[in-house]
Amino acid sequence: MRKYTTIGSHNMNGRLIYKLLESEQTVFSINEIAIIGEETDAVNLKNKINYYTKSGLLLNIRKGFYAKRNYNIEEFACKLYAPTYISLEYVLQKEGVIFQYSSEITSVSNLSRVITVDKYNIKYRKIKNSVLLNPLGIRRLGNGINIATAERALLDSLYLNKSGYFDNTAKLDFDLIKKMLEIYQSKAFLQLYNKTIKHV
């Protein structure tokens, strides 16, 4: 277990770390830390951050990214490669649309990549910008977390995988889904949707 070093008010590093620890954010880029601390000197900023990580006050979870001890992995997933939003199997599982369990965080972005951070695997799937940047069916939560509704996640999954089986679609809003079908601008995808999704 990490031990947190107490920083007294006499320490020049204290003001910034208190701001970070009291923030609603749990993950910070270097630029965000500089803004929060109103720090314009790159050397001073680097020295402070090094002190925080060596003291166990912040975790260096990836180059250029620092986090509180109990950070939110969804927040990190959305900040690492922007623009991005959490979708696909991760959302479908949380919403009870598919029953197969996986701990992998799945997101869509403008690149395809799989990374590992601590105990988490984060998988990014590339999708065209006209879909990625369309806000319909995307929830904007606090701390920069963007996450798809179950309806949007289902369509993303079907679009990227070119097939799909969904265990429980009873609670989905199919009126919303019909509106979102236009986002993908594909007649072939519309045919695939009509062939795959069975609902009343």
C-alpha atoms as a PDB file:
ATOM      1  CA  MET A   1       0.000   0.000   0.000  1.00  0.00           C
ATOM      2  CA  ARG A   2       1.303   3.435  -0.923  1.00  0.00           C
ATOM      3  CA  LYS A   3       1.989   5.851   1.922  1.00  0.00           C
ATOM      4  CA  TYR A   4       1.078   9.455   1.343  1.00  0.00           C
ATOM      5  CA  THR A   5       3.544  12.043   2.541  1.00  0.00           C
ATOM      6  CA  THR A   6       2.027  14.915   4.468  1.00  0.00           C
ATOM      7  CA  ILE A   7       2.830  18.266   2.952  1.00  0.00           C
ATOM      8  CA  GLY A   8       2.654  21.179   5.339  1.00  0.00           C
ATOM      9  CA  SER A   9       1.661  24.687   4.350  1.00  0.00           C
ATOM     10  CA  HIS A  10       5.319  25.691   4.658  1.00  0.00           C
ATOM     11  CA  ASN A  11       6.261  23.538   1.690  1.00  0.00           C
ATOM     12  CA  MET A  12       6.311  25.390  -1.627  1.00  0.00           C
ATOM     13  CA  ASN A  13       4.831  22.321  -3.294  1.00  0.00           C
ATOM     14  CA  GLY A  14       1.843  22.223  -0.966  1.00  0.00           C
ATOM     15  CA  ARG A  15      -0.479  24.680  -2.677  1.00  0.00           C
ATOM     16  CA  LEU A  16      -0.546  22.877  -6.018  1.00  0.00           C
ATOM     17  CA  ILE A  17      -0.945  19.354  -4.651  1.00  0.00           C
ATOM     18  CA  TYR A  18      -3.866  20.447  -2.480  1.00  0.00           C
ATOM     19  CA  LYS A  19      -5.544  21.924  -5.537  1.00  0.00           C
ATOM     20  CA  LEU A  20      -5.060  18.658  -7.407  1.00  0.00           C
ATOM     21  CA  LEU A  21      -6.232  16.415  -4.591  1.00  0.00           C
ATOM     22  CA  GLU A  22      -9.294  18.581  -3.916  1.00  0.00           C
ATOM     23  CA  SER A  23     -10.233  18.696  -7.607  1.00  0.00           C
ATOM     24  CA  GLU A  24     -13.123  16.594  -8.928  1.00  0.00           C
ATOM     25  CA  GLN A  25     -10.738  15.353 -11.594  1.00  0.00           C
ATOM     26  CA  THR A  26      -8.860  12.159 -10.918  1.00  0.00           C
ATOM     27  CA  VAL A  27      -6.582  12.204 -13.973  1.00  0.00           C
ATOM     28  CA  PHE A  28      -4.421  15.117 -15.109  1.00  0.00           C
ATOM     29  CA  SER A  29      -2.307  15.806 -18.147  1.00  0.00           C
ATOM     30  CA  ILE A  30       0.821  17.906 -17.671  1.00  0.00           C
ATOM     31  CA  ASN A  31      -0.947  20.846 -19.312  1.00  0.00           C
ATOM     32  CA  GLU A  32      -3.887  20.546 -16.930  1.00  0.00           C
ATOM     33  CA  ILE A  33      -1.548  20.533 -13.931  1.00  0.00           C
ATOM     34  CA  ALA A  34       0.192  23.636 -15.266  1.00  0.00           C
ATOM     35  CA  ILE A  35      -3.141  25.432 -15.671  1.00  0.00           C
ATOM     36  CA  ILE A  36      -4.438  24.395 -12.237  1.00  0.00           C
ATOM     37  CA  GLY A  37      -1.187  25.473 -10.600  1.00  0.00           C
ATOM     38  CA  GLU A  38      -0.804  28.588 -12.741  1.00  0.00           C
ATOM     39  CA  GLU A  39       2.724  27.374 -13.409  1.00  0.00           C
ATOM     40  CA  THR A  40       4.490  28.810 -16.460  1.00  0.00           C
ATOM     41  CA  ASP A  41       7.993  27.572 -15.682  1.00  0.00           C
ATOM     42  CA  ALA A  42       8.417  24.101 -17.203  1.00  0.00           C
ATOM     43  CA  VAL A  43      11.366  23.213 -14.960  1.00  0.00           C
ATOM     44  CA  ASN A  44       9.515  24.152 -11.768  1.00  0.00           C
ATOM     45  CA  LEU A  45       6.488  22.189 -12.934  1.00  0.00           C
ATOM     46  CA  LYS A  46       8.576  19.117 -13.678  1.00  0.00           C
ATOM     47  CA  ASN A  47      10.287  19.323 -10.284  1.00  0.00           C
ATOM     48  CA  LYS A  48       6.965  19.574  -8.452  1.00  0.00           C
ATOM     49  CA  ILE A  49       5.450  16.662 -10.350  1.00  0.00           C
ATOM     50  CA  ASN A  50       8.533  14.520  -9.730  1.00  0.00           C
ATOM     51  CA  TYR A  51       8.235  15.301  -6.030  1.00  0.00           C
ATOM     52  CA  TYR A  52       4.557  14.335  -5.971  1.00  0.00           C
ATOM     53  CA  THR A  53       5.153  11.007  -7.712  1.00  0.00           C
ATOM     54  CA  LYS A  54       8.175  10.081  -5.598  1.00  0.00           C
ATOM     55  CA  SER A  55       6.183  10.927  -2.465  1.00  0.00           C
ATOM     56  CA  GLY A  56       3.253   8.797  -3.601  1.00  0.00           C
ATOM     57  CA  LEU A  57       0.898  11.766  -3.795  1.00  0.00           C
ATOM     58  CA  LEU A  58       0.313  11.259  -7.521  1.00  0.00           C
ATOM     59  CA  LEU A  59       0.680   8.221  -9.766  1.00  0.00           C
ATOM     60  CA  ASN A  60       2.464   8.471 -13.102  1.00  0.00           C
ATOM     61  CA  ILE A  61       0.101   6.187 -15.007  1.00  0.00           C
ATOM     62  CA  ARG A  62       1.440   6.955 -18.485  1.00  0.00           C
ATOM     63  CA  LYS A  63       3.902   9.397 -19.995  1.00  0.00           C
ATOM     64  CA  GLY A  64       2.420  12.862 -19.577  1.00  0.00           C
ATOM     65  CA  PHE A  65      -0.492  11.692 -17.407  1.00  0.00           C
ATOM     66  CA  TYR A  66      -0.785  11.689 -13.636  1.00  0.00           C
ATOM     67  CA  ALA A  67      -3.563  10.497 -11.383  1.00  0.00           C
ATOM     68  CA  LYS A  68      -4.886  10.272  -7.870  1.00  0.00           C
ATOM     69  CA  ARG A  69      -4.593   6.936  -6.149  1.00  0.00           C
ATOM     70  CA  ASN A  70      -8.197   5.860  -6.815  1.00  0.00           C
ATOM     71  CA  TYR A  71      -8.499   7.378 -10.273  1.00  0.00           C
ATOM     72  CA  ASN A  72     -11.347   6.819 -12.714  1.00  0.00           C
ATOM     73  CA  ILE A  73     -10.218   4.652 -15.646  1.00  0.00           C
ATOM     74  CA  GLU A  74     -13.077   5.963 -17.800  1.00  0.00           C
ATOM     75  CA  GLU A  75     -11.760   9.481 -17.311  1.00  0.00           C
ATOM     76  CA  PHE A  76      -8.288   8.419 -18.389  1.00  0.00           C
ATOM     77  CA  ALA A  77      -9.589   6.519 -21.418  1.00  0.00           C
ATOM     78  CA  CYS A  78     -11.333   9.645 -22.683  1.00  0.00           C
ATOM     79  CA  LYS A  79      -8.364  11.949 -22.024  1.00  0.00           C
ATOM     80  CA  LEU A  80      -5.591   9.837 -23.509  1.00  0.00           C
ATOM     81  CA  TYR A  81      -6.732  10.017 -27.127  1.00  0.00           C
ATOM     82  CA  ALA A  82      -9.125  12.841 -27.867  1.00  0.00           C
ATOM     83  CA  PRO A  83     -11.636  12.977 -29.376  1.00  0.00           C
ATOM     84  CA  THR A  84     -12.969   9.698 -28.051  1.00  0.00           C
ATOM     85  CA  TYR A  85     -15.955   8.261 -26.233  1.00  0.00           C
ATOM     86  CA  ILE A  86     -16.549   4.989 -24.406  1.00  0.00           C
ATOM     87  CA  SER A  87     -18.830   2.642 -26.324  1.00  0.00           C
ATOM     88  CA  LEU A  88     -19.145  -0.849 -27.791  1.00  0.00           C
ATOM     89  CA  GLU A  89     -18.969  -3.949 -25.572  1.00  0.00           C
ATOM     90  CA  TYR A  90     -18.116  -2.084 -22.375  1.00  0.00           C
ATOM     91  CA  VAL A  91     -21.307  -0.025 -22.516  1.00  0.00           C
ATOM     92  CA  LEU A  92     -23.466  -2.870 -23.823  1.00  0.00           C
ATOM     93  CA  GLN A  93     -22.339  -5.022 -20.925  1.00  0.00           C
ATOM     94  CA  LYS A  94     -23.001  -2.287 -18.342  1.00  0.00           C
ATOM     95  CA  GLU A  95     -26.457  -1.684 -19.792  1.00  0.00           C
ATOM     96  CA  GLY A  96     -27.376  -5.389 -19.857  1.00  0.00           C
ATOM     97  CA  VAL A  97     -27.634  -5.652 -23.646  1.00  0.00           C
ATOM     98  CA  ILE A  98     -24.971  -8.355 -23.791  1.00  0.00           C
ATOM     99  CA  PHE A  99     -24.275 -10.823 -21.014  1.00  0.00           C
ATOM    100  CA  GLN A 100     -20.692 -11.882 -21.790  1.00  0.00           C
ATOM    101  CA  TYR A 101     -18.346 -10.338 -19.223  1.00  0.00           C
ATOM    102  CA  SER A 102     -15.118  -8.568 -20.064  1.00  0.00           C
ATOM    103  CA  SER A 103     -13.089  -6.104 -17.996  1.00  0.00           C
ATOM    104  CA  GLU A 104     -11.764  -4.384 -21.125  1.00  0.00           C
ATOM    105  CA  ILE A 105     -12.650  -0.712 -21.597  1.00  0.00           C
ATOM    106  CA  THR A 106     -13.798  -0.210 -25.193  1.00  0.00           C
ATOM    107  CA  SER A 107     -13.835   3.175 -26.884  1.00  0.00           C
ATOM    108  CA  VAL A 108     -14.107   4.649 -30.350  1.00  0.00           C
ATOM    109  CA  SER A 109     -11.657   7.246 -31.575  1.00  0.00           C
ATOM    110  CA  ASN A 110      -9.786   8.325 -34.704  1.00  0.00           C
ATOM    111  CA  LEU A 111      -7.242   5.521 -34.257  1.00  0.00           C
ATOM    112  CA  SER A 112      -7.088   1.833 -33.405  1.00  0.00           C
ATOM    113  CA  ARG A 113      -4.932   0.866 -30.450  1.00  0.00           C
ATOM    114  CA  VAL A 114      -4.857  -1.319 -27.344  1.00  0.00           C
ATOM    115  CA  ILE A 115      -3.035  -0.124 -24.236  1.00  0.00           C
ATOM    116  CA  THR A 116      -2.594  -1.487 -20.732  1.00  0.00           C
ATOM    117  CA  VAL A 117      -2.641   0.766 -17.669  1.00  0.00           C
ATOM    118  CA  ASP A 118      -2.328  -0.872 -14.264  1.00  0.00           C
ATOM    119  CA  LYS A 119      -4.841  -3.727 -14.314  1.00  0.00           C
ATOM    120  CA  TYR A 120      -6.900  -2.271 -17.169  1.00  0.00           C
ATOM    121  CA  ASN A 121      -6.887  -2.928 -20.895  1.00  0.00           C
ATOM    122  CA  ILE A 122      -8.258  -0.083 -22.986  1.00  0.00           C
ATOM    123  CA  LYS A 123      -9.183  -0.835 -26.584  1.00  0.00           C
ATOM    124  CA  TYR A 124      -9.726   1.980 -29.074  1.00  0.00           C
ATOM    125  CA  ARG A 125     -11.516   1.293 -32.352  1.00  0.00           C
ATOM    126  CA  LYS A 126     -11.189   3.680 -35.260  1.00  0.00           C
ATOM    127  CA  ILE A 127     -14.398   5.133 -36.658  1.00  0.00           C
ATOM    128  CA  LYS A 128     -14.928   7.808 -39.295  1.00  0.00           C
ATOM    129  CA  ASN A 129     -14.970  11.396 -38.063  1.00  0.00           C
ATOM    130  CA  SER A 130     -18.545  12.089 -39.129  1.00  0.00           C
ATOM    131  CA  VAL A 131     -19.658   9.432 -36.628  1.00  0.00           C
ATOM    132  CA  LEU A 132     -17.041  10.177 -33.970  1.00  0.00           C
ATOM    133  CA  LEU A 133     -17.902  13.870 -33.748  1.00  0.00           C
ATOM    134  CA  ASN A 134     -21.682  13.504 -33.834  1.00  0.00           C
ATOM    135  CA  PRO A 135     -23.019  14.077 -30.282  1.00  0.00           C
ATOM    136  CA  LEU A 136     -26.318  12.211 -30.711  1.00  0.00           C
ATOM    137  CA  GLY A 137     -26.464   9.424 -28.131  1.00  0.00           C
ATOM    138  CA  ILE A 138     -23.309  10.533 -26.298  1.00  0.00           C
ATOM    139  CA  ARG A 139     -23.527  11.473 -22.620  1.00  0.00           C
ATOM    140  CA  ARG A 140     -21.110  14.142 -21.420  1.00  0.00           C
ATOM    141  CA  LEU A 141     -20.352  13.356 -17.799  1.00  0.00           C
ATOM    142  CA  GLY A 142     -18.094  15.152 -15.355  1.00  0.00           C
ATOM    143  CA  ASN A 143     -14.294  15.177 -15.617  1.00  0.00           C
ATOM    144  CA  GLY A 144     -14.308  14.881 -19.389  1.00  0.00           C
ATOM    145  CA  ILE A 145     -15.957  11.453 -19.536  1.00  0.00           C
ATOM    146  CA  ASN A 146     -17.873  10.880 -22.764  1.00  0.00           C
ATOM    147  CA  ILE A 147     -19.885   7.659 -22.897  1.00  0.00           C
ATOM    148  CA  ALA A 148     -22.393   6.286 -25.370  1.00  0.00           C
ATOM    149  CA  THR A 149     -25.946   5.360 -24.527  1.00  0.00           C
ATOM    150  CA  ALA A 150     -26.830   1.703 -24.991  1.00  0.00           C
ATOM    151  CA  GLU A 151     -28.489   2.589 -28.297  1.00  0.00           C
ATOM    152  CA  ARG A 152     -25.423   4.349 -29.685  1.00  0.00           C
ATOM    153  CA  ALA A 153     -23.104   1.601 -28.414  1.00  0.00           C
ATOM    154  CA  LEU A 154     -25.205  -1.038 -30.165  1.00  0.00           C
ATOM    155  CA  LEU A 155     -25.015   0.799 -33.471  1.00  0.00           C
ATOM    156  CA  ASP A 156     -21.279   1.447 -33.094  1.00  0.00           C
ATOM    157  CA  SER A 157     -20.716  -2.232 -32.398  1.00  0.00           C
ATOM    158  CA  LEU A 158     -22.789  -3.367 -35.355  1.00  0.00           C
ATOM    159  CA  TYR A 159     -21.132  -0.827 -37.642  1.00  0.00           C
ATOM    160  CA  LEU A 160     -17.552  -1.693 -36.708  1.00  0.00           C
ATOM    161  CA  ASN A 161     -17.951  -5.455 -36.342  1.00  0.00           C
ATOM    162  CA  LYS A 162     -20.212  -5.875 -39.408  1.00  0.00           C
ATOM    163  CA  SER A 163     -22.270  -8.335 -37.377  1.00  0.00           C
ATOM    164  CA  GLY A 164     -23.483  -8.856 -33.865  1.00  0.00           C
ATOM    165  CA  TYR A 165     -25.615 -10.748 -31.395  1.00  0.00           C
ATOM    166  CA  PHE A 166     -27.337  -8.881 -28.593  1.00  0.00           C
ATOM    167  CA  ASP A 167     -28.863 -10.776 -25.682  1.00  0.00           C
ATOM    168  CA  ASN A 168     -31.397  -8.236 -24.452  1.00  0.00           C
ATOM    169  CA  THR A 169     -32.783  -5.349 -26.519  1.00  0.00           C
ATOM    170  CA  ALA A 170     -36.069  -4.981 -24.644  1.00  0.00           C
ATOM    171  CA  LYS A 171     -35.133  -1.722 -22.903  1.00  0.00           C
ATOM    172  CA  LEU A 172     -33.679   0.023 -25.940  1.00  0.00           C
ATOM    173  CA  ASP A 173     -35.285   3.138 -27.409  1.00  0.00           C
ATOM    174  CA  PHE A 174     -35.797   2.171 -31.032  1.00  0.00           C
ATOM    175  CA  ASP A 175     -37.132   5.592 -31.991  1.00  0.00           C
ATOM    176  CA  LEU A 176     -33.771   7.001 -30.909  1.00  0.00           C
ATOM    177  CA  ILE A 177     -31.955   4.245 -32.767  1.00  0.00           C
ATOM    178  CA  LYS A 178     -33.806   5.108 -36.001  1.00  0.00           C
ATOM    179  CA  LYS A 179     -32.666   8.731 -35.651  1.00  0.00           C
ATOM    180  CA  MET A 180     -29.091   7.650 -35.020  1.00  0.00           C
ATOM    181  CA  LEU A 181     -28.960   5.352 -38.050  1.00  0.00           C
ATOM    182  CA  GLU A 182     -28.564   8.466 -40.206  1.00  0.00           C
ATOM    183  CA  ILE A 183     -25.245   9.242 -38.494  1.00  0.00           C
ATOM    184  CA  TYR A 184     -23.516   6.343 -40.240  1.00  0.00           C
ATOM    185  CA  GLN A 185     -24.525   7.395 -43.775  1.00  0.00           C
ATOM    186  CA  SER A 186     -24.428   3.887 -45.172  1.00  0.00           C
ATOM    187  CA  LYS A 187     -27.111   1.964 -47.026  1.00  0.00           C
ATOM    188  CA  ALA A 188     -25.202  -1.270 -46.443  1.00  0.00           C
ATOM    189  CA  PHE A 189     -25.191  -0.608 -42.722  1.00  0.00           C
ATOM    190  CA  LEU A 190     -28.929   0.108 -42.749  1.00  0.00           C
ATOM    191  CA  GLN A 191     -29.508  -3.231 -44.462  1.00  0.00           C
ATOM    192  CA  LEU A 192     -27.295  -4.969 -41.913  1.00  0.00           C
ATOM    193  CA  TYR A 193     -29.211  -3.336 -39.058  1.00  0.00           C
ATOM    194  CA  ASN A 194     -32.585  -4.398 -40.458  1.00  0.00           C
ATOM    195  CA  LYS A 195     -31.297  -7.935 -40.927  1.00  0.00           C
ATOM    196  CA  THR A 196     -29.704  -8.221 -37.473  1.00  0.00           C
ATOM    197  CA  ILE A 197     -31.997  -6.372 -35.068  1.00  0.00           C
ATOM    198  CA  LYS A 198     -35.361  -7.949 -34.355  1.00  0.00           C
ATOM    199  CA  HIS A 199     -37.790  -5.874 -32.324  1.00  0.00           C
ATOM    200  CA  VAL A 200     -41.498  -5.147 -32.057  1.00  0.00           C
END
